[in-house]
Amino acid sequence: MGFFKPEEKEEVSKFLTEKLNNKVRFDLILNKNEIGNEESLSSELFSMFQHIESLSGNIEYEIIDSKKTSEAVYPAIKYKDLDDRIIIYGVPSGYEFGVFLE
């Protein structure tokens, strides 16, 4: 598990990409107070996953809302890795942000 601030987007991208490439289960928790509001979160997530996609070239993702997943209560990003595992990046039921593999 890693902790990151929004300005550490490159480190977050590197962390996620490494975990995806290693095909292991992981959780990434971000402190809500460090992220800011919902709009800036969506922008940060989108930028981060664009960066990950540019590194790997094999990740499909979409921005989803809370109505589409029980894990996310704010807008989130959902994508599949090479093994067709569904990965949801968003806000879990508490007040922290996380990454979940199904």
N, C-alpha and C. Protein backbone atom coordinates (compact mmCIF):
# COMPACT_ATOMS: atom_id res chain seq x y z
N MET A 1 0.85 -1.17 0.00
CA MET A 1 0.00 0.00 0.00
C MET A 1 0.89 1.24 0.00
N GLY A 2 0.52 2.24 -0.79
CA GLY A 2 1.30 3.46 -0.85
C GLY A 2 0.43 4.67 -0.60
N PHE A 3 1.03 5.72 -0.10
CA PHE A 3 0.33 6.97 0.14
C PHE A 3 0.95 8.06 -0.73
N PHE A 4 0.11 8.82 -1.43
CA PHE A 4 0.60 9.82 -2.37
C PHE A 4 -0.21 11.10 -2.28
N LYS A 5 0.42 12.21 -2.59
CA LYS A 5 -0.27 13.49 -2.72
C LYS A 5 -0.53 13.72 -4.21
N PRO A 6 -1.50 14.59 -4.55
CA PRO A 6 -1.82 14.81 -5.97
C PRO A 6 -0.61 15.23 -6.80
N GLU A 7 0.28 16.03 -6.22
CA GLU A 7 1.42 16.48 -7.01
C GLU A 7 2.42 15.35 -7.26
N GLU A 8 2.20 14.21 -6.65
CA GLU A 8 3.08 13.06 -6.87
C GLU A 8 2.48 12.10 -7.90
N LYS A 9 1.82 12.68 -8.91
CA LYS A 9 1.13 11.88 -9.92
C LYS A 9 2.06 10.91 -10.63
N GLU A 10 3.27 11.35 -10.92
CA GLU A 10 4.22 10.48 -11.61
C GLU A 10 4.53 9.25 -10.76
N GLU A 11 4.71 9.46 -9.46
CA GLU A 11 5.00 8.35 -8.57
C GLU A 11 3.81 7.40 -8.48
N VAL A 12 2.60 7.97 -8.44
CA VAL A 12 1.40 7.14 -8.40
C VAL A 12 1.31 6.30 -9.67
N SER A 13 1.53 6.94 -10.81
CA SER A 13 1.48 6.23 -12.09
C SER A 13 2.49 5.10 -12.13
N LYS A 14 3.70 5.40 -11.67
CA LYS A 14 4.75 4.39 -11.66
C LYS A 14 4.36 3.22 -10.75
N PHE A 15 3.81 3.55 -9.59
CA PHE A 15 3.38 2.54 -8.63
C PHE A 15 2.31 1.64 -9.23
N LEU A 16 1.28 2.25 -9.82
CA LEU A 16 0.18 1.47 -10.39
C LEU A 16 0.66 0.63 -11.56
N THR A 17 1.46 1.22 -12.42
CA THR A 17 1.95 0.50 -13.59
C THR A 17 2.79 -0.71 -13.18
N GLU A 18 3.63 -0.50 -12.18
CA GLU A 18 4.46 -1.60 -11.68
C GLU A 18 3.59 -2.73 -11.14
N LYS A 19 2.57 -2.36 -10.38
CA LYS A 19 1.69 -3.39 -9.81
C LYS A 19 0.91 -4.11 -10.89
N LEU A 20 0.44 -3.36 -11.88
CA LEU A 20 -0.30 -3.99 -12.98
C LEU A 20 0.60 -4.93 -13.76
N ASN A 21 1.81 -4.50 -14.03
CA ASN A 21 2.74 -5.32 -14.79
C ASN A 21 3.10 -6.59 -14.03
N ASN A 22 3.15 -6.50 -12.71
CA ASN A 22 3.45 -7.66 -11.88
C ASN A 22 2.22 -8.52 -11.61
N LYS A 23 1.05 -8.02 -12.04
CA LYS A 23 -0.20 -8.76 -11.90
C LYS A 23 -0.44 -9.23 -10.46
N VAL A 24 -0.31 -8.31 -9.54
CA VAL A 24 -0.59 -8.64 -8.14
C VAL A 24 -1.72 -7.77 -7.63
N ARG A 25 -2.39 -8.24 -6.57
CA ARG A 25 -3.45 -7.45 -5.96
C ARG A 25 -2.82 -6.32 -5.16
N PHE A 26 -3.42 -5.16 -5.23
CA PHE A 26 -2.89 -4.04 -4.47
C PHE A 26 -4.00 -3.07 -4.09
N ASP A 27 -3.72 -2.26 -3.11
CA ASP A 27 -4.61 -1.18 -2.70
C ASP A 27 -3.78 0.08 -2.59
N LEU A 28 -4.30 1.15 -3.13
CA LEU A 28 -3.63 2.44 -3.03
C LEU A 28 -4.61 3.40 -2.36
N ILE A 29 -4.21 3.95 -1.24
CA ILE A 29 -5.08 4.84 -0.50
C ILE A 29 -4.54 6.26 -0.57
N LEU A 30 -5.39 7.18 -0.94
CA LEU A 30 -5.02 8.59 -0.99
C LEU A 30 -5.86 9.34 0.03
N ASN A 31 -5.25 10.22 0.77
CA ASN A 31 -5.95 11.00 1.78
C ASN A 31 -6.87 12.01 1.09
N LYS A 32 -8.16 11.99 1.45
CA LYS A 32 -9.14 12.86 0.80
C LYS A 32 -8.78 14.33 0.94
N ASN A 33 -8.24 14.71 2.09
CA ASN A 33 -7.89 16.11 2.32
C ASN A 33 -6.78 16.59 1.39
N GLU A 34 -5.97 15.66 0.91
CA GLU A 34 -4.88 16.04 0.01
C GLU A 34 -5.37 16.18 -1.43
N ILE A 35 -6.52 15.61 -1.73
CA ILE A 35 -7.00 15.57 -3.11
C ILE A 35 -7.77 16.83 -3.48
N GLY A 36 -8.67 17.28 -2.60
CA GLY A 36 -9.48 18.44 -2.93
C GLY A 36 -10.88 18.01 -3.34
N ASN A 37 -11.50 18.81 -4.16
CA ASN A 37 -12.91 18.53 -4.50
C ASN A 37 -13.05 17.48 -5.58
N GLU A 38 -14.28 17.11 -5.83
CA GLU A 38 -14.61 16.05 -6.78
C GLU A 38 -14.12 16.36 -8.19
N GLU A 39 -14.26 17.62 -8.60
CA GLU A 39 -13.86 18.00 -9.95
C GLU A 39 -12.36 17.85 -10.16
N SER A 40 -11.58 18.32 -9.20
CA SER A 40 -10.13 18.20 -9.33
C SER A 40 -9.69 16.75 -9.23
N LEU A 41 -10.41 15.96 -8.44
CA LEU A 41 -10.10 14.53 -8.35
C LEU A 41 -10.28 13.87 -9.70
N SER A 42 -11.40 14.13 -10.36
CA SER A 42 -11.65 13.52 -11.66
C SER A 42 -10.57 13.90 -12.66
N SER A 43 -10.16 15.16 -12.62
CA SER A 43 -9.11 15.62 -13.52
C SER A 43 -7.79 14.93 -13.22
N GLU A 44 -7.46 14.81 -11.93
CA GLU A 44 -6.22 14.14 -11.53
C GLU A 44 -6.23 12.68 -11.96
N LEU A 45 -7.35 12.00 -11.72
CA LEU A 45 -7.45 10.59 -12.08
C LEU A 45 -7.33 10.40 -13.59
N PHE A 46 -8.03 11.24 -14.33
CA PHE A 46 -7.99 11.11 -15.78
C PHE A 46 -6.57 11.31 -16.30
N SER A 47 -5.89 12.34 -15.78
CA SER A 47 -4.51 12.60 -16.20
C SER A 47 -3.60 11.44 -15.83
N MET A 48 -3.80 10.90 -14.64
CA MET A 48 -2.95 9.82 -14.18
C MET A 48 -3.14 8.58 -15.05
N PHE A 49 -4.38 8.24 -15.37
CA PHE A 49 -4.60 7.05 -16.16
C PHE A 49 -4.21 7.24 -17.62
N GLN A 50 -4.29 8.47 -18.10
CA GLN A 50 -3.76 8.73 -19.45
C GLN A 50 -2.27 8.44 -19.47
N HIS A 51 -1.60 8.84 -18.40
CA HIS A 51 -0.16 8.58 -18.31
C HIS A 51 0.12 7.08 -18.25
N ILE A 52 -0.64 6.37 -17.44
CA ILE A 52 -0.45 4.91 -17.34
C ILE A 52 -0.70 4.26 -18.69
N GLU A 53 -1.76 4.69 -19.38
CA GLU A 53 -2.07 4.12 -20.68
C GLU A 53 -0.92 4.36 -21.67
N SER A 54 -0.31 5.53 -21.60
CA SER A 54 0.79 5.83 -22.51
C SER A 54 2.01 4.95 -22.21
N LEU A 55 2.18 4.55 -20.96
CA LEU A 55 3.30 3.69 -20.60
C LEU A 55 3.07 2.25 -21.03
N SER A 56 1.84 1.77 -20.85
CA SER A 56 1.58 0.35 -21.08
C SER A 56 0.95 0.07 -22.43
N GLY A 57 0.10 0.98 -22.88
CA GLY A 57 -0.56 0.79 -24.17
C GLY A 57 -1.62 -0.30 -24.17
N ASN A 58 -1.96 -0.85 -23.00
CA ASN A 58 -2.90 -1.97 -23.00
C ASN A 58 -4.01 -1.84 -21.96
N ILE A 59 -4.21 -0.64 -21.45
CA ILE A 59 -5.24 -0.45 -20.44
C ILE A 59 -6.41 0.31 -21.05
N GLU A 60 -7.61 -0.27 -20.96
CA GLU A 60 -8.82 0.42 -21.37
C GLU A 60 -9.49 0.93 -20.12
N TYR A 61 -9.94 2.17 -20.14
CA TYR A 61 -10.56 2.71 -18.94
C TYR A 61 -11.74 3.60 -19.29
N GLU A 62 -12.59 3.84 -18.33
CA GLU A 62 -13.72 4.73 -18.49
C GLU A 62 -13.99 5.41 -17.16
N ILE A 63 -14.51 6.62 -17.24
CA ILE A 63 -14.92 7.30 -16.02
C ILE A 63 -16.34 6.85 -15.69
N ILE A 64 -16.53 6.39 -14.47
CA ILE A 64 -17.84 5.89 -14.05
C ILE A 64 -18.35 6.71 -12.88
N ASP A 65 -19.64 6.60 -12.62
CA ASP A 65 -20.19 7.32 -11.47
C ASP A 65 -20.63 6.33 -10.41
N SER A 66 -21.07 6.86 -9.29
CA SER A 66 -21.36 6.01 -8.13
C SER A 66 -22.52 5.05 -8.38
N LYS A 67 -23.33 5.31 -9.39
CA LYS A 67 -24.47 4.44 -9.66
C LYS A 67 -24.04 3.13 -10.31
N LYS A 68 -22.80 3.10 -10.81
CA LYS A 68 -22.35 1.92 -11.55
C LYS A 68 -21.50 0.95 -10.72
N THR A 69 -21.13 1.34 -9.54
CA THR A 69 -20.30 0.46 -8.71
C THR A 69 -20.55 0.69 -7.24
N SER A 70 -20.56 -0.36 -6.48
CA SER A 70 -20.78 -0.23 -5.05
C SER A 70 -19.56 0.32 -4.33
N GLU A 71 -18.37 0.19 -4.93
CA GLU A 71 -17.16 0.65 -4.27
C GLU A 71 -16.99 2.17 -4.33
N ALA A 72 -17.49 2.78 -5.39
CA ALA A 72 -17.24 4.20 -5.59
C ALA A 72 -18.46 5.04 -5.21
N VAL A 73 -18.24 6.07 -4.43
CA VAL A 73 -19.32 6.96 -4.07
C VAL A 73 -19.15 8.33 -4.74
N TYR A 74 -18.06 8.52 -5.41
CA TYR A 74 -17.80 9.69 -6.24
C TYR A 74 -17.46 9.18 -7.62
N PRO A 75 -17.31 10.07 -8.62
CA PRO A 75 -16.84 9.58 -9.92
C PRO A 75 -15.54 8.79 -9.77
N ALA A 76 -15.40 7.77 -10.55
CA ALA A 76 -14.23 6.90 -10.45
C ALA A 76 -13.79 6.50 -11.85
N ILE A 77 -12.68 5.82 -11.93
CA ILE A 77 -12.22 5.28 -13.21
C ILE A 77 -12.19 3.77 -13.09
N LYS A 78 -12.74 3.11 -14.10
CA LYS A 78 -12.78 1.65 -14.13
C LYS A 78 -12.03 1.20 -15.38
N TYR A 79 -11.18 0.21 -15.24
CA TYR A 79 -10.46 -0.28 -16.41
C TYR A 79 -10.14 -1.76 -16.25
N LYS A 80 -9.74 -2.38 -17.35
CA LYS A 80 -9.37 -3.80 -17.34
C LYS A 80 -7.89 -3.92 -17.64
N ASP A 81 -7.25 -4.88 -16.97
CA ASP A 81 -5.86 -5.14 -17.31
C ASP A 81 -5.80 -6.26 -18.35
N LEU A 82 -4.62 -6.76 -18.64
CA LEU A 82 -4.47 -7.78 -19.68
C LEU A 82 -5.19 -9.08 -19.35
N ASP A 83 -5.39 -9.35 -18.05
CA ASP A 83 -6.09 -10.56 -17.65
C ASP A 83 -7.58 -10.34 -17.50
N ASP A 84 -8.08 -9.20 -18.02
CA ASP A 84 -9.51 -8.85 -17.94
C ASP A 84 -10.00 -8.71 -16.51
N ARG A 85 -9.09 -8.39 -15.59
CA ARG A 85 -9.54 -8.08 -14.24
C ARG A 85 -10.10 -6.67 -14.26
N ILE A 86 -11.21 -6.45 -13.57
CA ILE A 86 -11.79 -5.11 -13.49
C ILE A 86 -11.14 -4.38 -12.33
N ILE A 87 -10.62 -3.21 -12.60
CA ILE A 87 -9.98 -2.39 -11.58
C ILE A 87 -10.74 -1.09 -11.47
N ILE A 88 -11.14 -0.75 -10.27
CA ILE A 88 -11.90 0.48 -10.04
C ILE A 88 -11.08 1.41 -9.18
N TYR A 89 -10.89 2.62 -9.67
CA TYR A 89 -10.16 3.63 -8.91
C TYR A 89 -11.16 4.70 -8.53
N GLY A 90 -11.37 4.91 -7.26
CA GLY A 90 -12.35 5.90 -6.85
C GLY A 90 -12.39 6.05 -5.35
N VAL A 91 -13.57 6.33 -4.85
CA VAL A 91 -13.73 6.59 -3.43
C VAL A 91 -14.48 5.42 -2.80
N PRO A 92 -13.87 4.70 -1.86
CA PRO A 92 -14.60 3.64 -1.17
C PRO A 92 -15.63 4.21 -0.21
N SER A 93 -16.28 3.38 0.52
CA SER A 93 -17.40 3.81 1.34
C SER A 93 -17.00 4.79 2.44
N GLY A 94 -15.72 4.85 2.77
CA GLY A 94 -15.26 5.79 3.79
C GLY A 94 -14.86 7.12 3.20
N TYR A 95 -13.79 7.71 3.71
CA TYR A 95 -13.36 9.02 3.26
C TYR A 95 -11.99 8.98 2.61
N GLU A 96 -11.54 7.82 2.22
CA GLU A 96 -10.25 7.71 1.56
C GLU A 96 -10.46 7.23 0.13
N PHE A 97 -9.47 7.51 -0.71
CA PHE A 97 -9.52 7.09 -2.10
C PHE A 97 -8.69 5.83 -2.26
N GLY A 98 -9.14 4.91 -3.10
CA GLY A 98 -8.40 3.67 -3.21
C GLY A 98 -8.51 3.03 -4.57
N VAL A 99 -7.72 2.04 -4.78
CA VAL A 99 -7.75 1.22 -5.99
C VAL A 99 -8.14 -0.19 -5.58
N PHE A 100 -9.06 -0.79 -6.32
CA PHE A 100 -9.54 -2.13 -5.96
C PHE A 100 -9.48 -3.03 -7.18
N LEU A 101 -9.03 -4.24 -6.99
CA LEU A 101 -9.10 -5.25 -8.05
C LEU A 101 -10.24 -6.18 -7.71
N GLU A 102 -11.07 -6.49 -8.72
CA GLU A 102 -12.16 -7.45 -8.49
C GLU A 102 -11.70 -8.84 -8.87
